PDB file of N, CA and C in Angstrom:
ATOM      1  N   MET A   1       5.826  -3.297  -0.843  1.00  0.00           N
ATOM      2  CA  MET A   1       5.817  -4.484  -1.654  1.00  0.00           C
ATOM      3  C   MET A   1       4.519  -4.515  -2.453  1.00  0.00           C
ATOM      4  N   HIS A   2       4.601  -4.973  -3.655  1.00  0.00           N
ATOM      5  CA  HIS A   2       3.442  -5.110  -4.528  1.00  0.00           C
ATOM      6  C   HIS A   2       2.417  -6.013  -3.839  1.00  0.00           C
ATOM      7  N   SER A   3       1.172  -5.581  -3.752  1.00  0.00           N
ATOM      8  CA  SER A   3       0.155  -6.312  -2.993  1.00  0.00           C
ATOM      9  C   SER A   3      -0.081  -7.726  -3.528  1.00  0.00           C
ATOM     10  N   GLY A   4       0.072  -7.925  -4.836  1.00  0.00           N
ATOM     11  CA  GLY A   4      -0.081  -9.270  -5.398  1.00  0.00           C
ATOM     12  C   GLY A   4       0.980 -10.220  -4.879  1.00  0.00           C
ATOM     13  N   PHE A   5       2.217  -9.747  -4.788  1.00  0.00           N
ATOM     14  CA  PHE A   5       3.299 -10.577  -4.261  1.00  0.00           C
ATOM     15  C   PHE A   5       3.113 -10.818  -2.765  1.00  0.00           C
ATOM     16  N   LYS A   6       2.660  -9.789  -2.065  1.00  0.00           N
ATOM     17  CA  LYS A   6       2.422  -9.924  -0.628  1.00  0.00           C
ATOM     18  C   LYS A   6       1.342 -10.976  -0.364  1.00  0.00           C
ATOM     19  N   GLU A   7       0.301 -10.980  -1.178  1.00  0.00           N
ATOM     20  CA  GLU A   7      -0.774 -11.962  -1.023  1.00  0.00           C
ATOM     21  C   GLU A   7      -0.261 -13.368  -1.320  1.00  0.00           C
ATOM     22  N   GLU A   8       0.595 -13.494  -2.341  1.00  0.00           N
ATOM     23  CA  GLU A   8       1.165 -14.804  -2.657  1.00  0.00           C
ATOM     24  C   GLU A   8       2.029 -15.306  -1.502  1.00  0.00           C
ATOM     25  N   LEU A   9       2.820 -14.430  -0.899  1.00  0.00           N
ATOM     26  CA  LEU A   9       3.606 -14.815   0.277  1.00  0.00           C
ATOM     27  C   LEU A   9       2.701 -15.269   1.412  1.00  0.00           C
ATOM     28  N   ARG A  10       1.639 -14.542   1.627  1.00  0.00           N
ATOM     29  CA  ARG A  10       0.692 -14.892   2.694  1.00  0.00           C
ATOM     30  C   ARG A  10       0.124 -16.293   2.464  1.00  0.00           C
ATOM     31  N   GLU A  11      -0.202 -16.618   1.200  1.00  0.00           N
ATOM     32  CA  GLU A  11      -0.720 -17.946   0.882  1.00  0.00           C
ATOM     33  C   GLU A  11       0.327 -19.030   1.111  1.00  0.00           C
ATOM     34  N   LEU A  12       1.566 -18.772   0.696  1.00  0.00           N
ATOM     35  CA  LEU A  12       2.622 -19.769   0.825  1.00  0.00           C
ATOM     36  C   LEU A  12       3.033 -20.020   2.275  1.00  0.00           C
ATOM     37  N   MET A  13       3.033 -18.958   3.074  1.00  0.00           N
ATOM     38  CA  MET A  13       3.550 -19.074   4.438  1.00  0.00           C
ATOM     39  C   MET A  13       2.469 -19.271   5.495  1.00  0.00           C
ATOM     40  N   GLY A  14       1.224 -19.056   5.132  1.00  0.00           N
ATOM     41  CA  GLY A  14       0.146 -19.244   6.089  1.00  0.00           C
ATOM     42  C   GLY A  14       0.298 -18.307   7.277  1.00  0.00           C
ATOM     43  N   GLU A  15       0.164 -18.849   8.479  1.00  0.00           N
ATOM     44  CA  GLU A  15       0.203 -18.041   9.689  1.00  0.00           C
ATOM     45  C   GLU A  15       1.597 -17.489   9.988  1.00  0.00           C
ATOM     46  N   GLY A  16       2.635 -18.035   9.375  1.00  0.00           N
ATOM     47  CA  GLY A  16       3.996 -17.586   9.630  1.00  0.00           C
ATOM     48  C   GLY A  16       4.356 -16.267   8.967  1.00  0.00           C
ATOM     49  N   PHE A  17       3.424 -15.721   8.160  1.00  0.00           N
ATOM     50  CA  PHE A  17       3.707 -14.474   7.450  1.00  0.00           C
ATOM     51  C   PHE A  17       3.261 -13.289   8.272  1.00  0.00           C
ATOM     52  N   SER A  18       4.212 -12.432   8.622  1.00  0.00           N
ATOM     53  CA  SER A  18       3.874 -11.233   9.391  1.00  0.00           C
ATOM     54  C   SER A  18       4.011  -9.980   8.542  1.00  0.00           C
ATOM     55  N   GLY A  19       4.442 -10.117   7.282  1.00  0.00           N
ATOM     56  CA  GLY A  19       4.554  -8.978   6.385  1.00  0.00           C
ATOM     57  C   GLY A  19       5.933  -8.352   6.374  1.00  0.00           C
ATOM     58  N   GLY A  20       6.775  -8.656   7.322  1.00  0.00           N
ATOM     59  CA  GLY A  20       8.101  -8.061   7.372  1.00  0.00           C
ATOM     60  C   GLY A  20       9.166  -9.137   7.418  1.00  0.00           C
ATOM     61  N   GLY A  21      10.355  -8.738   7.777  1.00  0.00           N
ATOM     62  CA  GLY A  21      11.429  -9.698   7.957  1.00  0.00           C
ATOM     63  C   GLY A  21      11.970 -10.295   6.683  1.00  0.00           C
ATOM     64  N   LEU A  22      12.003  -9.530   5.627  1.00  0.00           N
ATOM     65  CA  LEU A  22      12.581 -10.036   4.390  1.00  0.00           C
ATOM     66  C   LEU A  22      14.093  -9.968   4.482  1.00  0.00           C
ATOM     67  N   PRO A  23      14.895 -10.752   3.838  1.00  0.00           N
ATOM     68  CA  PRO A  23      14.502 -11.633   2.754  1.00  0.00           C
ATOM     69  C   PRO A  23      13.921 -12.962   3.254  1.00  0.00           C
ATOM     70  N   ARG A  24      13.055 -13.521   2.445  1.00  0.00           N
ATOM     71  CA  ARG A  24      12.489 -14.852   2.651  1.00  0.00           C
ATOM     72  C   ARG A  24      12.931 -15.681   1.458  1.00  0.00           C
ATOM     73  N   VAL A  25      13.453 -16.859   1.702  1.00  0.00           N
ATOM     74  CA  VAL A  25      13.994 -17.687   0.625  1.00  0.00           C
ATOM     75  C   VAL A  25      13.075 -18.875   0.386  1.00  0.00           C
ATOM     76  N   PHE A  26      12.734 -19.068  -0.886  1.00  0.00           N
ATOM     77  CA  PHE A  26      11.903 -20.189  -1.302  1.00  0.00           C
ATOM     78  C   PHE A  26      12.667 -20.989  -2.335  1.00  0.00           C
ATOM     79  N   ILE A  27      12.455 -22.293  -2.320  1.00  0.00           N
ATOM     80  CA  ILE A  27      12.940 -23.154  -3.390  1.00  0.00           C
ATOM     81  C   ILE A  27      11.680 -23.748  -3.989  1.00  0.00           C
ATOM     82  N   GLY A  28      11.358 -23.299  -5.183  1.00  0.00           N
ATOM     83  CA  GLY A  28      10.067 -23.629  -5.773  1.00  0.00           C
ATOM     84  C   GLY A  28       8.994 -22.937  -4.948  1.00  0.00           C
ATOM     85  N   ARG A  29       8.019 -23.691  -4.470  1.00  0.00           N
ATOM     86  CA  ARG A  29       6.962 -23.130  -3.631  1.00  0.00           C
ATOM     87  C   ARG A  29       7.176 -23.480  -2.157  1.00  0.00           C
ATOM     88  N   LYS A  30       8.347 -24.023  -1.827  1.00  0.00           N
ATOM     89  CA  LYS A  30       8.636 -24.424  -0.442  1.00  0.00           C
ATOM     90  C   LYS A  30       9.449 -23.329   0.259  1.00  0.00           C
ATOM     91  N   TYR A  31       8.934 -22.880   1.403  1.00  0.00           N
ATOM     92  CA  TYR A  31       9.644 -21.868   2.196  1.00  0.00           C
ATOM     93  C   TYR A  31      10.825 -22.518   2.883  1.00  0.00           C
ATOM     94  N   VAL A  32      12.011 -21.946   2.699  1.00  0.00           N
ATOM     95  CA  VAL A  32      13.235 -22.489   3.283  1.00  0.00           C
ATOM     96  C   VAL A  32      13.597 -21.736   4.559  1.00  0.00           C
ATOM     97  N   GLY A  33      13.503 -20.421   4.552  1.00  0.00           N
ATOM     98  CA  GLY A  33      13.802 -19.648   5.748  1.00  0.00           C
ATOM     99  C   GLY A  33      14.235 -18.242   5.421  1.00  0.00           C
ATOM    100  N   GLY A  34      14.557 -17.520   6.464  1.00  0.00           N
ATOM    101  CA  GLY A  34      15.059 -16.157   6.340  1.00  0.00           C
ATOM    102  C   GLY A  34      16.580 -16.156   6.314  1.00  0.00           C
ATOM    103  N   ALA A  35      17.161 -14.990   6.453  1.00  0.00           N
ATOM    104  CA  ALA A  35      18.619 -14.845   6.351  1.00  0.00           C
ATOM    105  C   ALA A  35      19.354 -15.691   7.389  1.00  0.00           C
ATOM    106  N   GLU A  36      18.868 -15.702   8.617  1.00  0.00           N
ATOM    107  CA  GLU A  36      19.545 -16.471   9.677  1.00  0.00           C
ATOM    108  C   GLU A  36      19.484 -17.974   9.411  1.00  0.00           C
ATOM    109  N   GLU A  37      18.331 -18.462   8.972  1.00  0.00           N
ATOM    110  CA  GLU A  37      18.207 -19.898   8.676  1.00  0.00           C
ATOM    111  C   GLU A  37      19.106 -20.294   7.515  1.00  0.00           C
ATOM    112  N   ILE A  38      19.171 -19.447   6.492  1.00  0.00           N
ATOM    113  CA  ILE A  38      20.027 -19.739   5.337  1.00  0.00           C
ATOM    114  C   ILE A  38      21.496 -19.762   5.752  1.00  0.00           C
ATOM    115  N   ARG A  39      21.908 -18.788   6.581  1.00  0.00           N
ATOM    116  CA  ARG A  39      23.289 -18.762   7.065  1.00  0.00           C
ATOM    117  C   ARG A  39      23.603 -20.033   7.852  1.00  0.00           C
ATOM    118  N   ARG A  40      22.694 -20.428   8.749  1.00  0.00           N
ATOM    119  CA  ARG A  40      22.907 -21.623   9.572  1.00  0.00           C
ATOM    120  C   ARG A  40      23.002 -22.867   8.680  1.00  0.00           C
ATOM    121  N   MET A  41      22.079 -22.993   7.698  1.00  0.00           N
ATOM    122  CA  MET A  41      22.116 -24.145   6.791  1.00  0.00           C
ATOM    123  C   MET A  41      23.412 -24.182   5.994  1.00  0.00           C
ATOM    124  N   HIS A  42      23.894 -23.009   5.567  1.00  0.00           N
ATOM    125  CA  HIS A  42      25.154 -22.942   4.832  1.00  0.00           C
ATOM    126  C   HIS A  42      26.304 -23.412   5.717  1.00  0.00           C
ATOM    127  N   GLU A  43      26.362 -22.928   6.948  1.00  0.00           N
ATOM    128  CA  GLU A  43      27.437 -23.319   7.870  1.00  0.00           C
ATOM    129  C   GLU A  43      27.399 -24.809   8.195  1.00  0.00           C
ATOM    130  N   GLU A  44      26.205 -25.382   8.247  1.00  0.00           N
ATOM    131  CA  GLU A  44      26.049 -26.801   8.560  1.00  0.00           C
ATOM    132  C   GLU A  44      26.068 -27.675   7.305  1.00  0.00           C
ATOM    133  N   ARG A  45      26.369 -27.063   6.161  1.00  0.00           N
ATOM    134  CA  ARG A  45      26.460 -27.736   4.863  1.00  0.00           C
ATOM    135  C   ARG A  45      25.159 -28.430   4.457  1.00  0.00           C
ATOM    136  N   GLN A  46      24.014 -27.877   4.868  1.00  0.00           N
ATOM    137  CA  GLN A  46      22.713 -28.417   4.474  1.00  0.00           C
ATOM    138  C   GLN A  46      22.161 -27.687   3.253  1.00  0.00           C
ATOM    139  N   LEU A  47      22.594 -26.459   3.055  1.00  0.00           N
ATOM    140  CA  LEU A  47      22.059 -25.641   1.969  1.00  0.00           C
ATOM    141  C   LEU A  47      22.385 -26.227   0.598  1.00  0.00           C
ATOM    142  N   GLU A  48      23.594 -26.743   0.452  1.00  0.00           N
ATOM    143  CA  GLU A  48      24.006 -27.317  -0.834  1.00  0.00           C
ATOM    144  C   GLU A  48      23.083 -28.468  -1.237  1.00  0.00           C
ATOM    145  N   LYS A  49      22.662 -29.280  -0.278  1.00  0.00           N
ATOM    146  CA  LYS A  49      21.754 -30.395  -0.574  1.00  0.00           C
ATOM    147  C   LYS A  49      20.393 -29.888  -1.049  1.00  0.00           C
ATOM    148  N   LEU A  50      19.934 -28.785  -0.467  1.00  0.00           N
ATOM    149  CA  LEU A  50      18.628 -28.235  -0.850  1.00  0.00           C
ATOM    150  C   LEU A  50      18.615 -27.706  -2.274  1.00  0.00           C
ATOM    151  N   VAL A  51      19.704 -27.096  -2.708  1.00  0.00           N
ATOM    152  CA  VAL A  51      19.737 -26.483  -4.041  1.00  0.00           C
ATOM    153  C   VAL A  51      20.338 -27.397  -5.101  1.00  0.00           C
ATOM    154  N   GLU A  52      20.668 -28.628  -4.718  1.00  0.00           N
ATOM    155  CA  GLU A  52      21.293 -29.577  -5.640  1.00  0.00           C
ATOM    156  C   GLU A  52      20.511 -29.752  -6.942  1.00  0.00           C
ATOM    157  N   GLY A  53      19.209 -29.928  -6.876  1.00  0.00           N
ATOM    158  CA  GLY A  53      18.406 -30.181  -8.061  1.00  0.00           C
ATOM    159  C   GLY A  53      17.886 -28.932  -8.745  1.00  0.00           C
ATOM    160  N   CYS A  54      18.255 -27.774  -8.259  1.00  0.00           N
ATOM    161  CA  CYS A  54      17.758 -26.521  -8.841  1.00  0.00           C
ATOM    162  C   CYS A  54      18.475 -26.204 -10.145  1.00  0.00           C
ATOM    163  N   GLU A  55      17.724 -25.638 -11.068  1.00  0.00           N
ATOM    164  CA  GLU A  55      18.292 -25.232 -12.351  1.00  0.00           C
ATOM    165  C   GLU A  55      19.147 -23.985 -12.152  1.00  0.00           C
ATOM    166  N   MET A  56      20.324 -23.979 -12.766  1.00  0.00           N
ATOM    167  CA  MET A  56      21.219 -22.822 -12.665  1.00  0.00           C
ATOM    168  C   MET A  56      21.210 -22.073 -13.986  1.00  0.00           C
ATOM    169  N   LEU A  57      21.290 -20.754 -13.902  1.00  0.00           N
ATOM    170  CA  LEU A  57      21.379 -19.943 -15.111  1.00  0.00           C
ATOM    171  C   LEU A  57      22.806 -19.996 -15.624  1.00  0.00           C
ATOM    172  N   GLY A  58      22.949 -20.220 -16.926  1.00  0.00           N
ATOM    173  CA  GLY A  58      24.277 -20.272 -17.525  1.00  0.00           C
ATOM    174  C   GLY A  58      24.768 -18.888 -17.880  1.00  0.00           C
ATOM    175  N   ASP A  59      26.063 -18.767 -18.123  1.00  0.00           N
ATOM    176  CA  ASP A  59      26.644 -17.483 -18.498  1.00  0.00           C
ATOM    177  C   ASP A  59      26.190 -17.040 -19.882  1.00  0.00           C
ATOM    178  N   GLY A  60      25.803 -17.965 -20.738  1.00  0.00           N
ATOM    179  CA  GLY A  60      25.419 -17.603 -22.089  1.00  0.00           C
ATOM    180  C   GLY A  60      23.944 -17.279 -22.253  1.00  0.00           C
ATOM    181  N   GLY A  61      23.119 -17.707 -21.312  1.00  0.00           N
ATOM    182  CA  GLY A  61      21.673 -17.497 -21.433  1.00  0.00           C
ATOM    183  C   GLY A  61      21.249 -16.153 -20.887  1.00  0.00           C
ATOM    184  N   GLY A  62      20.019 -15.788 -21.160  1.00  0.00           N
ATOM    185  CA  GLY A  62      19.469 -14.539 -20.639  1.00  0.00           C
ATOM    186  C   GLY A  62      19.387 -14.572 -19.127  1.00  0.00           C
ATOM    187  N   GLY A  63      19.686 -13.489 -18.486  1.00  0.00           N
ATOM    188  CA  GLY A  63      19.613 -13.408 -17.037  1.00  0.00           C
ATOM    189  C   GLY A  63      20.872 -13.864 -16.342  1.00  0.00           C
ATOM    190  N   GLY A  64      21.897 -14.222 -17.093  1.00  0.00           N
ATOM    191  CA  GLY A  64      23.129 -14.658 -16.470  1.00  0.00           C
ATOM    192  C   GLY A  64      23.873 -13.490 -15.847  1.00  0.00           C
ATOM    193  N   VAL A  65      24.970 -13.786 -15.188  1.00  0.00           N
ATOM    194  CA  VAL A  65      25.761 -12.761 -14.533  1.00  0.00           C
ATOM    195  C   VAL A  65      26.233 -11.733 -15.557  1.00  0.00           C
ATOM    196  N   GLY A  66      26.054 -10.467 -15.264  1.00  0.00           N
ATOM    197  CA  GLY A  66      26.477  -9.405 -16.161  1.00  0.00           C
ATOM    198  C   GLY A  66      25.501  -9.112 -17.284  1.00  0.00           C
ATOM    199  N   GLU A  67      24.360  -9.788 -17.287  1.00  0.00           N
ATOM    200  CA  GLU A  67      23.386  -9.596 -18.352  1.00  0.00           C
ATOM    201  C   GLU A  67      22.072  -9.051 -17.800  1.00  0.00           C
ATOM    202  N   ALA A  68      22.139  -8.076 -16.927  1.00  0.00           N
ATOM    203  CA  ALA A  68      20.925  -7.503 -16.347  1.00  0.00           C
ATOM    204  C   ALA A  68      20.128  -6.777 -17.414  1.00  0.00           C
ATOM    205  N   CYS A  69      18.826  -6.763 -17.243  1.00  0.00           N
ATOM    206  CA  CYS A  69      17.945  -6.039 -18.159  1.00  0.00           C
ATOM    207  C   CYS A  69      18.358  -4.572 -18.158  1.00  0.00           C
ATOM    208  N   GLU A  70      18.538  -4.006 -19.335  1.00  0.00           N
ATOM    209  CA  GLU A  70      18.971  -2.608 -19.433  1.00  0.00           C
ATOM    210  C   GLU A  70      17.877  -1.635 -19.019  1.00  0.00           C
ATOM    211  N   THR A  71      16.614  -2.074 -19.052  1.00  0.00           N
ATOM    212  CA  THR A  71      15.508  -1.188 -18.700  1.00  0.00           C
ATOM    213  C   THR A  71      15.277  -1.124 -17.197  1.00  0.00           C
ATOM    214  N   CYS A  72      15.217  -2.293 -16.534  1.00  0.00           N
ATOM    215  CA  CYS A  72      14.867  -2.318 -15.106  1.00  0.00           C
ATOM    216  C   CYS A  72      16.006  -2.777 -14.204  1.00  0.00           C
ATOM    217  N   GLY A  73      17.126  -3.224 -14.768  1.00  0.00           N
ATOM    218  CA  GLY A  73      18.223  -3.717 -13.942  1.00  0.00           C
ATOM    219  C   GLY A  73      17.864  -5.001 -13.213  1.00  0.00           C
ATOM    220  N   ASP A  74      16.995  -5.811 -13.792  1.00  0.00           N
ATOM    221  CA  ASP A  74      16.499  -7.077 -13.236  1.00  0.00           C
ATOM    222  C   ASP A  74      15.633  -6.895 -11.994  1.00  0.00           C
ATOM    223  N   ILE A  75      15.084  -5.707 -11.803  1.00  0.00           N
ATOM    224  CA  ILE A  75      14.151  -5.483 -10.701  1.00  0.00           C
ATOM    225  C   ILE A  75      12.757  -5.924 -11.118  1.00  0.00           C
ATOM    226  N   ARG A  76      12.513  -5.985 -12.425  1.00  0.00           N
ATOM    227  CA  ARG A  76      11.266  -6.436 -13.027  1.00  0.00           C
ATOM    228  C   ARG A  76      10.129  -5.419 -12.994  1.00  0.00           C
ATOM    229  N   PHE A  77      10.334  -4.274 -12.401  1.00  0.00           N
ATOM    230  CA  PHE A  77       9.330  -3.209 -12.382  1.00  0.00           C
ATOM    231  C   PHE A  77       9.988  -1.900 -12.794  1.00  0.00           C
ATOM    232  N   VAL A  78       9.203  -1.028 -13.436  1.00  0.00           N
ATOM    233  CA  VAL A  78       9.650   0.316 -13.817  1.00  0.00           C
ATOM    234  C   VAL A  78       8.534   1.299 -13.473  1.00  0.00           C
ATOM    235  N   PRO A  79       8.861   2.591 -13.333  1.00  0.00           N
ATOM    236  CA  PRO A  79       7.801   3.579 -13.070  1.00  0.00           C
ATOM    237  C   PRO A  79       6.780   3.595 -14.202  1.00  0.00           C
ATOM    238  N   CYS A  80       5.542   3.774 -13.830  1.00  0.00           N
ATOM    239  CA  CYS A  80       4.433   3.812 -14.785  1.00  0.00           C
ATOM    240  C   CYS A  80       4.629   4.976 -15.761  1.00  0.00           C
ATOM    241  N   GLU A  81       4.437   4.713 -17.052  1.00  0.00           N
ATOM    242  CA  GLU A  81       4.582   5.757 -18.065  1.00  0.00           C
ATOM    243  C   GLU A  81       3.379   6.699 -18.093  1.00  0.00           C
ATOM    244  N   THR A  82       2.219   6.217 -17.659  1.00  0.00           N
ATOM    245  CA  THR A  82       1.009   7.034 -17.674  1.00  0.00           C
ATOM    246  C   THR A  82       1.065   8.135 -16.627  1.00  0.00           C
ATOM    247  N   CYS A  83       1.467   7.785 -15.396  1.00  0.00           N
ATOM    248  CA  CYS A  83       1.430   8.744 -14.282  1.00  0.00           C
ATOM    249  C   CYS A  83       2.814   9.107 -13.755  1.00  0.00           C
ATOM    250  N   SER A  84       3.870   8.610 -14.385  1.00  0.00           N
ATOM    251  CA  SER A  84       5.259   8.834 -13.953  1.00  0.00           C
ATOM    252  C   SER A  84       5.498   8.356 -12.522  1.00  0.00           C
ATOM    253  N   GLY A  85       4.777   7.327 -12.118  1.00  0.00           N
ATOM    254  CA  GLY A  85       4.984   6.732 -10.801  1.00  0.00           C
ATOM    255  C   GLY A  85       4.237   7.405  -9.667  1.00  0.00           C
ATOM    256  N   SER A  86       3.380   8.379  -9.972  1.00  0.00           N
ATOM    257  CA  SER A  86       2.674   9.094  -8.904  1.00  0.00           C
ATOM    258  C   SER A  86       1.381   8.399  -8.482  1.00  0.00           C
ATOM    259  N   CYS A  87       0.904   7.433  -9.245  1.00  0.00           N
ATOM    260  CA  CYS A  87      -0.362   6.721  -9.024  1.00  0.00           C
ATOM    261  C   CYS A  87      -1.584   7.601  -9.249  1.00  0.00           C
ATOM    262  N   LYS A  88      -1.400   8.821  -9.724  1.00  0.00           N
ATOM    263  CA  LYS A  88      -2.520   9.724  -9.955  1.00  0.00           C
ATOM    264  C   LYS A  88      -2.419  10.336 -11.350  1.00  0.00           C
ATOM    265  N   ILE A  89      -3.590  10.510 -11.977  1.00  0.00           N
ATOM    266  CA  ILE A  89      -3.645  11.223 -13.243  1.00  0.00           C
ATOM    267  C   ILE A  89      -4.755  12.262 -13.149  1.00  0.00           C
ATOM    268  N   TYR A  90      -4.600  13.313 -13.910  1.00  0.00           N
ATOM    269  CA  TYR A  90      -5.566  14.413 -13.864  1.00  0.00           C
ATOM    270  C   TYR A  90      -6.430  14.380 -15.109  1.00  0.00           C
ATOM    271  N   TYR A  91      -7.730  14.358 -14.892  1.00  0.00           N
ATOM    272  CA  TYR A  91      -8.685  14.418 -15.996  1.00  0.00           C
ATOM    273  C   TYR A  91      -9.244  15.826 -16.046  1.00  0.00           C
ATOM    274  N   GLU A  92      -9.210  16.413 -17.242  1.00  0.00           N
ATOM    275  CA  GLU A  92      -9.757  17.759 -17.441  1.00  0.00           C
ATOM    276  C   GLU A  92     -11.276  17.723 -17.354  1.00  0.00           C
ATOM    277  N   GLU A  93     -11.867  18.854 -17.010  1.00  0.00           N
ATOM    278  CA  GLU A  93     -13.324  18.961 -17.024  1.00  0.00           C
ATOM    279  C   GLU A  93     -13.789  18.775 -18.459  1.00  0.00           C
ATOM    280  N   LEU A  94     -14.841  18.034 -18.643  1.00  0.00           N
ATOM    281  CA  LEU A  94     -15.321  17.702 -19.982  1.00  0.00           C
ATOM    282  C   LEU A  94     -15.965  18.914 -20.650  1.00  0.00           C
ATOM    283  N   GLU A  95     -15.814  18.994 -21.962  1.00  0.00           N
ATOM    284  CA  GLU A  95     -16.400  20.066 -22.762  1.00  0.00           C
ATOM    285  C   GLU A  95     -17.896  19.816 -22.945  1.00  0.00           C
ATOM    286  N   GLU A  96     -18.619  20.844 -23.349  1.00  0.00           N
ATOM    287  CA  GLU A  96     -20.050  20.699 -23.629  1.00  0.00           C
ATOM    288  C   GLU A  96     -20.261  19.673 -24.720  1.00  0.00           C
ATOM    289  N   GLY A  97     -21.300  18.877 -24.574  1.00  0.00           N
ATOM    290  CA  GLY A  97     -21.622  17.879 -25.585  1.00  0.00           C
ATOM    291  C   GLY A  97     -20.955  16.533 -25.340  1.00  0.00           C
ATOM    292  N   GLU A  98     -19.923  16.479 -24.489  1.00  0.00           N
ATOM    293  CA  GLU A  98     -19.278  15.199 -24.200  1.00  0.00           C
ATOM    294  C   GLU A  98     -20.017  14.517 -23.069  1.00  0.00           C
ATOM    295  N   GLU A  99     -19.825  13.200 -22.969  1.00  0.00           N
ATOM    296  CA  GLU A  99     -20.464  12.455 -21.885  1.00  0.00           C
ATOM    297  C   GLU A  99     -19.964  12.974 -20.549  1.00  0.00           C
ATOM    298  N   THR A 100     -20.841  12.988 -19.573  1.00  0.00           N
ATOM    299  CA  THR A 100     -20.422  13.442 -18.249  1.00  0.00           C
ATOM    300  C   THR A 100     -19.556  12.384 -17.605  1.00  0.00           C
ATOM    301  N   GLY A 101     -18.667  12.811 -16.776  1.00  0.00           N
ATOM    302  CA  GLY A 101     -17.775  11.890 -16.092  1.00  0.00           C
ATOM    303  C   GLY A 101     -17.015  12.610 -15.005  1.00  0.00           C
ATOM    304  N   GLU A 102     -16.174  11.870 -14.339  1.00  0.00           N
ATOM    305  CA  GLU A 102     -15.361  12.418 -13.262  1.00  0.00           C
ATOM    306  C   GLU A 102     -14.239  13.273 -13.852  1.00  0.00           C
ATOM    307  N   TYR A 103     -13.820  14.274 -13.104  1.00  0.00           N
ATOM    308  CA  TYR A 103     -12.654  15.035 -13.510  1.00  0.00           C
ATOM    309  C   TYR A 103     -11.859  15.372 -12.250  1.00  0.00           C
ATOM    310  N   GLY A 104     -10.634  15.820 -12.458  1.00  0.00           N
ATOM    311  CA  GLY A 104      -9.723  16.063 -11.346  1.00  0.00           C
ATOM    312  C   GLY A 104      -8.754  14.900 -11.209  1.00  0.00           C
ATOM    313  N   PHE A 105      -8.087  14.819 -10.068  1.00  0.00           N
ATOM    314  CA  PHE A 105      -7.113  13.741  -9.843  1.00  0.00           C
ATOM    315  C   PHE A 105      -7.833  12.436  -9.522  1.00  0.00           C
ATOM    316  N   GLN A 106      -7.369  11.371 -10.179  1.00  0.00           N
ATOM    317  CA  GLN A 106      -7.917  10.043  -9.933  1.00  0.00           C
ATOM    318  C   GLN A 106      -6.784   9.026  -9.921  1.00  0.00           C
ATOM    319  N   ARG A 107      -7.058   7.876  -9.387  1.00  0.00           N
ATOM    320  CA  ARG A 107      -6.087   6.780  -9.312  1.00  0.00           C
ATOM    321  C   ARG A 107      -5.751   6.324 -10.718  1.00  0.00           C
ATOM    322  N   CYS A 108      -4.462   6.169 -11.001  1.00  0.00           N
ATOM    323  CA  CYS A 108      -4.019   5.689 -12.315  1.00  0.00           C
ATOM    324  C   CYS A 108      -4.461   4.231 -12.498  1.00  0.00           C
ATOM    325  N   PRO A 109      -5.090   3.914 -13.632  1.00  0.00           N
ATOM    326  CA  PRO A 109      -5.565   2.547 -13.857  1.00  0.00           C
ATOM    327  C   PRO A 109      -4.478   1.588 -14.341  1.00  0.00           C
ATOM    328  N   ASP A 110      -3.292   2.104 -14.665  1.00  0.00           N
ATOM    329  CA  ASP A 110      -2.272   1.274 -15.295  1.00  0.00           C
ATOM    330  C   ASP A 110      -1.227   0.688 -14.353  1.00  0.00           C
ATOM    331  N   CYS A 111      -1.073   1.247 -13.138  1.00  0.00           N
ATOM    332  CA  CYS A 111       0.035   0.817 -12.291  1.00  0.00           C
ATOM    333  C   CYS A 111      -0.447   0.214 -10.976  1.00  0.00           C
ATOM    334  N   ASN A 112       0.500  -0.361 -10.228  1.00  0.00           N
ATOM    335  CA  ASN A 112       0.158  -0.908  -8.918  1.00  0.00           C
ATOM    336  C   ASN A 112       0.175   0.196  -7.867  1.00  0.00           C
ATOM    337  N   GLU A 113      -0.012  -0.161  -6.618  1.00  0.00           N
ATOM    338  CA  GLU A 113      -0.101   0.826  -5.545  1.00  0.00           C
ATOM    339  C   GLU A 113       1.201   1.583  -5.290  1.00  0.00           C
ATOM    340  N   ASN A 114       2.283   1.133  -5.900  1.00  0.00           N
ATOM    341  CA  ASN A 114       3.573   1.808  -5.757  1.00  0.00           C
ATOM    342  C   ASN A 114       3.936   2.654  -6.971  1.00  0.00           C
ATOM    343  N   GLY A 115       3.020   2.780  -7.940  1.00  0.00           N
ATOM    344  CA  GLY A 115       3.280   3.555  -9.148  1.00  0.00           C
ATOM    345  C   GLY A 115       4.171   2.841 -10.140  1.00  0.00           C
ATOM    346  N   LEU A 116       4.191   1.504 -10.082  1.00  0.00           N
ATOM    347  CA  LEU A 116       5.072   0.708 -10.928  1.00  0.00           C
ATOM    348  C   LEU A 116       4.277  -0.203 -11.851  1.00  0.00           C
ATOM    349  N   ILE A 117       4.889  -0.520 -12.981  1.00  0.00           N
ATOM    350  CA  ILE A 117       4.346  -1.511 -13.907  1.00  0.00           C
ATOM    351  C   ILE A 117       5.420  -2.550 -14.150  1.00  0.00           C
ATOM    352  N   ARG A 118       5.026  -3.740 -14.626  1.00  0.00           N
ATOM    353  CA  ARG A 118       6.005  -4.778 -14.965  1.00  0.00           C
ATOM    354  C   ARG A 118       6.875  -4.270 -16.103  1.00  0.00           C
ATOM    355  N   CYS A 119       8.139  -4.617 -16.069  1.00  0.00           N
ATOM    356  CA  CYS A 119       9.070  -4.193 -17.110  1.00  0.00           C
ATOM    357  C   CYS A 119       8.603  -4.709 -18.465  1.00  0.00           C
ATOM    358  N   PRO A 120       8.388  -3.814 -19.443  1.00  0.00           N
ATOM    359  CA  PRO A 120       7.903  -4.265 -20.743  1.00  0.00           C
ATOM    360  C   PRO A 120       8.959  -5.016 -21.560  1.00  0.00           C
ATOM    361  N   ILE A 121      10.213  -4.943 -21.151  1.00  0.00           N
ATOM    362  CA  ILE A 121      11.287  -5.600 -21.894  1.00  0.00           C
ATOM    363  C   ILE A 121      11.511  -7.042 -21.429  1.00  0.00           C
ATOM    364  N   CYS A 122      11.643  -7.254 -20.122  1.00  0.00           N
ATOM    365  CA  CYS A 122      12.006  -8.589 -19.633  1.00  0.00           C
ATOM    366  C   CYS A 122      10.853  -9.372 -19.025  1.00  0.00           C
ATOM    367  N   CYS A 123       9.704  -8.753 -18.823  1.00  0.00           N
ATOM    368  CA  CYS A 123       8.541  -9.464 -18.267  1.00  0.00           C
ATOM    369  C   CYS A 123       7.454  -9.532 -19.328  1.00  0.00           C
ATOM    370  N   ASP A 124       6.975 -10.704 -19.572  1.00  0.00           N
ATOM    371  CA  ASP A 124       5.934 -10.884 -20.598  1.00  0.00           C
ATOM    372  C   ASP A 124       4.579 -10.616 -20.026  1.00  0.00           C
TER     373      ASP A 124
END
């Protein structure tokens, strides 16, 4: 999981976050529960009340059913174009007269720890 999202989950859930056990369902910034809690709420007809005021995506708007982003498939991340998702790039040894610097394999500055960047098409 992207470390930024993991940190946000940790902030939202406090001590209840163990890093695993996904999916976790939130309505706004309020934690609702995991898969078992959602199933139980659905069976007890409590889930409908929770999502009553939530905005629904229409069929005509962006992100509706059947309108997935053609670039990322609505995953919101794509492999980094700089390093092709490897998280590493190779710098050649510098020529004479150029400023000294590091060379060899180094961490790619453009992507996250998973070699991914935000989708340039659907994420601003």
